[in-house]
N, C-alpha and C. Protein backbone atom coordinates (compact mmCIF):
# COMPACT_ATOMS: atom_id res chain seq x y z
N PHE A 1 -11.85 9.10 -21.10
CA PHE A 1 -13.18 9.38 -21.58
C PHE A 1 -13.17 9.91 -23.00
N LEU A 2 -12.02 10.45 -23.42
CA LEU A 2 -11.94 10.94 -24.80
C LEU A 2 -11.80 9.79 -25.78
N GLU A 3 -11.13 8.73 -25.34
CA GLU A 3 -10.86 7.61 -26.24
C GLU A 3 -11.76 6.41 -26.00
N TYR A 4 -12.36 6.33 -24.80
CA TYR A 4 -13.15 5.15 -24.46
C TYR A 4 -14.57 5.55 -24.09
N GLU A 5 -15.51 4.97 -24.80
CA GLU A 5 -16.92 5.25 -24.53
C GLU A 5 -17.33 4.65 -23.19
N GLY A 6 -18.13 5.37 -22.44
CA GLY A 6 -18.61 4.85 -21.17
C GLY A 6 -17.76 5.26 -19.97
N VAL A 7 -16.62 5.89 -20.20
CA VAL A 7 -15.77 6.34 -19.11
C VAL A 7 -16.18 7.77 -18.75
N SER A 8 -16.46 7.98 -17.48
CA SER A 8 -16.93 9.29 -17.03
C SER A 8 -15.81 10.34 -17.07
N PRO A 9 -16.13 11.55 -17.50
CA PRO A 9 -15.13 12.62 -17.48
C PRO A 9 -14.95 13.23 -16.10
N TYR A 10 -15.75 12.78 -15.15
CA TYR A 10 -15.71 13.34 -13.80
C TYR A 10 -14.95 12.41 -12.86
N ASN A 11 -14.46 12.96 -11.79
CA ASN A 11 -13.69 12.21 -10.81
C ASN A 11 -14.55 11.87 -9.59
N ASN A 12 -15.87 11.87 -9.74
CA ASN A 12 -16.76 11.69 -8.61
C ASN A 12 -16.56 10.34 -7.91
N HIS A 13 -16.32 9.27 -8.68
CA HIS A 13 -16.13 7.95 -8.06
C HIS A 13 -14.93 7.97 -7.12
N ALA A 14 -13.83 8.52 -7.57
CA ALA A 14 -12.62 8.60 -6.73
C ALA A 14 -12.87 9.47 -5.50
N GLU A 15 -13.59 10.56 -5.69
CA GLU A 15 -13.90 11.44 -4.57
C GLU A 15 -14.79 10.74 -3.55
N GLN A 16 -15.75 9.96 -4.01
CA GLN A 16 -16.62 9.21 -3.10
C GLN A 16 -15.84 8.14 -2.35
N GLN A 17 -14.84 7.54 -2.99
CA GLN A 17 -14.01 6.54 -2.33
C GLN A 17 -13.20 7.16 -1.19
N MET A 18 -12.87 8.43 -1.31
CA MET A 18 -12.09 9.12 -0.28
C MET A 18 -12.96 9.66 0.86
N ARG A 19 -14.25 9.69 0.68
CA ARG A 19 -15.15 10.28 1.67
C ARG A 19 -15.06 9.58 3.02
N SER A 20 -15.12 8.27 3.04
CA SER A 20 -15.09 7.53 4.30
C SER A 20 -13.80 7.76 5.09
N PRO A 21 -12.62 7.64 4.47
CA PRO A 21 -11.39 7.90 5.24
C PRO A 21 -11.30 9.34 5.75
N VAL A 22 -11.77 10.28 4.98
CA VAL A 22 -11.72 11.69 5.40
C VAL A 22 -12.63 11.91 6.60
N LEU A 23 -13.84 11.34 6.55
CA LEU A 23 -14.76 11.48 7.69
C LEU A 23 -14.21 10.78 8.93
N THR A 24 -13.61 9.61 8.74
CA THR A 24 -13.01 8.89 9.87
C THR A 24 -11.92 9.73 10.52
N ARG A 25 -11.08 10.32 9.70
CA ARG A 25 -10.00 11.16 10.22
C ARG A 25 -10.57 12.37 10.97
N LYS A 26 -11.61 12.97 10.42
CA LYS A 26 -12.21 14.15 11.04
C LYS A 26 -12.85 13.81 12.39
N VAL A 27 -13.63 12.74 12.43
CA VAL A 27 -14.35 12.36 13.65
C VAL A 27 -13.39 11.91 14.75
N SER A 28 -12.36 11.16 14.38
CA SER A 28 -11.44 10.62 15.38
C SER A 28 -10.36 11.62 15.79
N GLN A 29 -10.30 12.75 15.10
CA GLN A 29 -9.30 13.79 15.36
C GLN A 29 -7.87 13.25 15.31
N GLN A 30 -7.64 12.36 14.37
CA GLN A 30 -6.29 11.82 14.20
C GLN A 30 -5.44 12.78 13.39
N ASN A 31 -4.27 12.32 13.07
CA ASN A 31 -3.33 13.04 12.23
C ASN A 31 -2.82 14.32 12.86
N ARG A 32 -2.56 14.25 14.15
CA ARG A 32 -1.95 15.40 14.81
C ARG A 32 -0.44 15.37 14.65
N SER A 33 0.05 14.32 14.01
CA SER A 33 1.48 14.21 13.74
C SER A 33 1.66 13.52 12.40
N ASP A 34 2.86 13.59 11.86
CA ASP A 34 3.16 12.90 10.60
C ASP A 34 3.01 11.40 10.77
N GLN A 35 3.42 10.88 11.92
CA GLN A 35 3.31 9.44 12.16
C GLN A 35 1.83 9.03 12.24
N GLY A 36 1.00 9.85 12.86
CA GLY A 36 -0.44 9.57 12.92
C GLY A 36 -1.07 9.56 11.54
N ALA A 37 -0.65 10.49 10.69
CA ALA A 37 -1.17 10.55 9.33
C ALA A 37 -0.76 9.32 8.53
N GLN A 38 0.50 8.91 8.70
CA GLN A 38 0.98 7.73 7.98
C GLN A 38 0.26 6.47 8.46
N THR A 39 0.07 6.34 9.76
CA THR A 39 -0.63 5.18 10.32
C THR A 39 -2.06 5.13 9.82
N GLN A 40 -2.75 6.26 9.85
CA GLN A 40 -4.13 6.31 9.38
C GLN A 40 -4.22 5.98 7.90
N SER A 41 -3.28 6.46 7.14
CA SER A 41 -3.25 6.19 5.70
C SER A 41 -3.11 4.70 5.41
N ILE A 42 -2.20 4.05 6.12
CA ILE A 42 -1.97 2.62 5.93
C ILE A 42 -3.21 1.82 6.33
N LEU A 43 -3.78 2.13 7.49
CA LEU A 43 -4.95 1.39 7.97
C LEU A 43 -6.15 1.57 7.03
N MET A 44 -6.39 2.79 6.57
CA MET A 44 -7.51 3.02 5.67
C MET A 44 -7.30 2.31 4.33
N THR A 45 -6.06 2.26 3.86
CA THR A 45 -5.76 1.54 2.62
C THR A 45 -6.06 0.06 2.79
N LEU A 46 -5.62 -0.51 3.91
CA LEU A 46 -5.89 -1.93 4.17
C LEU A 46 -7.39 -2.19 4.29
N PHE A 47 -8.09 -1.35 5.05
CA PHE A 47 -9.52 -1.54 5.25
C PHE A 47 -10.29 -1.43 3.93
N ARG A 48 -10.03 -0.38 3.16
CA ARG A 48 -10.77 -0.19 1.90
C ARG A 48 -10.44 -1.28 0.89
N SER A 49 -9.17 -1.69 0.81
CA SER A 49 -8.80 -2.76 -0.11
C SER A 49 -9.54 -4.04 0.22
N ALA A 50 -9.60 -4.38 1.49
CA ALA A 50 -10.31 -5.58 1.92
C ALA A 50 -11.80 -5.47 1.60
N GLN A 51 -12.40 -4.32 1.91
CA GLN A 51 -13.83 -4.13 1.66
C GLN A 51 -14.15 -4.24 0.17
N LEU A 52 -13.34 -3.61 -0.67
CA LEU A 52 -13.59 -3.63 -2.10
C LEU A 52 -13.47 -5.03 -2.69
N GLN A 53 -12.70 -5.89 -2.03
CA GLN A 53 -12.54 -7.27 -2.50
C GLN A 53 -13.51 -8.22 -1.81
N GLY A 54 -14.42 -7.67 -1.01
CA GLY A 54 -15.44 -8.49 -0.37
C GLY A 54 -14.99 -9.22 0.88
N HIS A 55 -13.89 -8.77 1.48
CA HIS A 55 -13.39 -9.39 2.71
C HIS A 55 -13.79 -8.56 3.92
N ASN A 56 -13.77 -9.19 5.08
CA ASN A 56 -13.98 -8.48 6.34
C ASN A 56 -12.64 -7.88 6.75
N PRO A 57 -12.51 -6.55 6.77
CA PRO A 57 -11.22 -5.92 7.05
C PRO A 57 -10.64 -6.29 8.41
N VAL A 58 -11.48 -6.38 9.42
CA VAL A 58 -10.99 -6.71 10.77
C VAL A 58 -10.41 -8.12 10.79
N GLU A 59 -11.11 -9.07 10.17
CA GLU A 59 -10.60 -10.44 10.12
C GLU A 59 -9.28 -10.52 9.36
N ILE A 60 -9.19 -9.79 8.25
CA ILE A 60 -7.97 -9.79 7.44
C ILE A 60 -6.79 -9.24 8.25
N ILE A 61 -6.98 -8.12 8.91
CA ILE A 61 -5.89 -7.50 9.66
C ILE A 61 -5.49 -8.38 10.85
N LEU A 62 -6.47 -8.95 11.54
CA LEU A 62 -6.15 -9.84 12.66
C LEU A 62 -5.39 -11.07 12.21
N SER A 63 -5.85 -11.69 11.13
CA SER A 63 -5.16 -12.90 10.66
C SER A 63 -3.76 -12.57 10.15
N THR A 64 -3.62 -11.41 9.49
CA THR A 64 -2.29 -10.99 9.02
C THR A 64 -1.37 -10.73 10.20
N ALA A 65 -1.88 -10.07 11.24
CA ALA A 65 -1.07 -9.80 12.43
C ALA A 65 -0.65 -11.09 13.11
N LYS A 66 -1.58 -12.05 13.20
CA LYS A 66 -1.24 -13.33 13.82
C LYS A 66 -0.17 -14.06 13.02
N GLU A 67 -0.31 -14.06 11.70
CA GLU A 67 0.69 -14.69 10.84
C GLU A 67 2.04 -13.98 10.96
N ALA A 68 2.00 -12.65 11.07
CA ALA A 68 3.24 -11.88 11.19
C ALA A 68 3.96 -12.23 12.48
N LEU A 69 3.21 -12.38 13.56
CA LEU A 69 3.83 -12.74 14.83
C LEU A 69 4.45 -14.13 14.77
N LYS A 70 3.79 -15.03 14.07
CA LYS A 70 4.34 -16.38 13.91
C LYS A 70 5.57 -16.35 13.01
N ALA A 71 5.50 -15.57 11.93
CA ALA A 71 6.56 -15.56 10.93
C ALA A 71 7.80 -14.82 11.41
N ARG A 72 7.59 -13.66 12.00
CA ARG A 72 8.68 -12.80 12.48
C ARG A 72 9.74 -12.52 11.41
N SER A 73 9.32 -12.46 10.18
CA SER A 73 10.20 -12.16 9.07
C SER A 73 9.45 -11.25 8.10
N THR A 74 10.09 -10.19 7.67
CA THR A 74 9.45 -9.23 6.77
C THR A 74 8.97 -9.91 5.49
N ASP A 75 9.82 -10.75 4.90
CA ASP A 75 9.43 -11.43 3.67
C ASP A 75 8.20 -12.30 3.88
N GLU A 76 8.16 -13.01 4.98
CA GLU A 76 7.02 -13.88 5.25
C GLU A 76 5.76 -13.06 5.53
N ILE A 77 5.91 -11.92 6.18
CA ILE A 77 4.77 -11.05 6.44
C ILE A 77 4.19 -10.54 5.12
N LEU A 78 5.06 -10.10 4.22
CA LEU A 78 4.59 -9.62 2.92
C LEU A 78 3.91 -10.72 2.14
N ASN A 79 4.44 -11.94 2.22
CA ASN A 79 3.80 -13.07 1.54
C ASN A 79 2.41 -13.33 2.11
N CYS A 80 2.25 -13.22 3.42
CA CYS A 80 0.94 -13.39 4.05
C CYS A 80 -0.04 -12.35 3.51
N GLN A 81 0.41 -11.11 3.38
CA GLN A 81 -0.47 -10.06 2.88
C GLN A 81 -0.86 -10.32 1.43
N LEU A 82 0.10 -10.77 0.62
CA LEU A 82 -0.20 -11.05 -0.77
C LEU A 82 -1.23 -12.16 -0.89
N ILE A 83 -1.09 -13.19 -0.07
CA ILE A 83 -2.04 -14.30 -0.09
C ILE A 83 -3.41 -13.83 0.36
N LEU A 84 -3.47 -13.06 1.43
CA LEU A 84 -4.75 -12.62 1.98
C LEU A 84 -5.49 -11.67 1.05
N PHE A 85 -4.76 -10.82 0.34
CA PHE A 85 -5.42 -9.83 -0.50
C PHE A 85 -5.51 -10.23 -1.96
N SER A 86 -5.00 -11.41 -2.31
CA SER A 86 -5.12 -11.84 -3.70
C SER A 86 -6.55 -12.25 -3.97
N LYS A 87 -6.99 -12.03 -5.19
CA LYS A 87 -8.37 -12.38 -5.54
C LYS A 87 -8.48 -13.89 -5.65
N SER A 88 -9.53 -14.44 -5.03
CA SER A 88 -9.73 -15.88 -5.08
C SER A 88 -10.72 -16.25 -6.14
């Protein structure tokens, strides 16, 4: 914001982006363990990334899971995710 006009000096946008995952965690009472926190973090990242790119998160995760089961290879699973989340 010091060097670029139009950039907000506040972090409100980032804070608003975190609101949904925090409320989800609070309501569902997750994260009672480190593994629960890690799982919730990964799922929220996938869901928000899909939403921000205009995709249906549930469809993306289901199709990725189906491709992963077919592929049964880490490299192929990662390639499926890259294809699904790449901007079209």
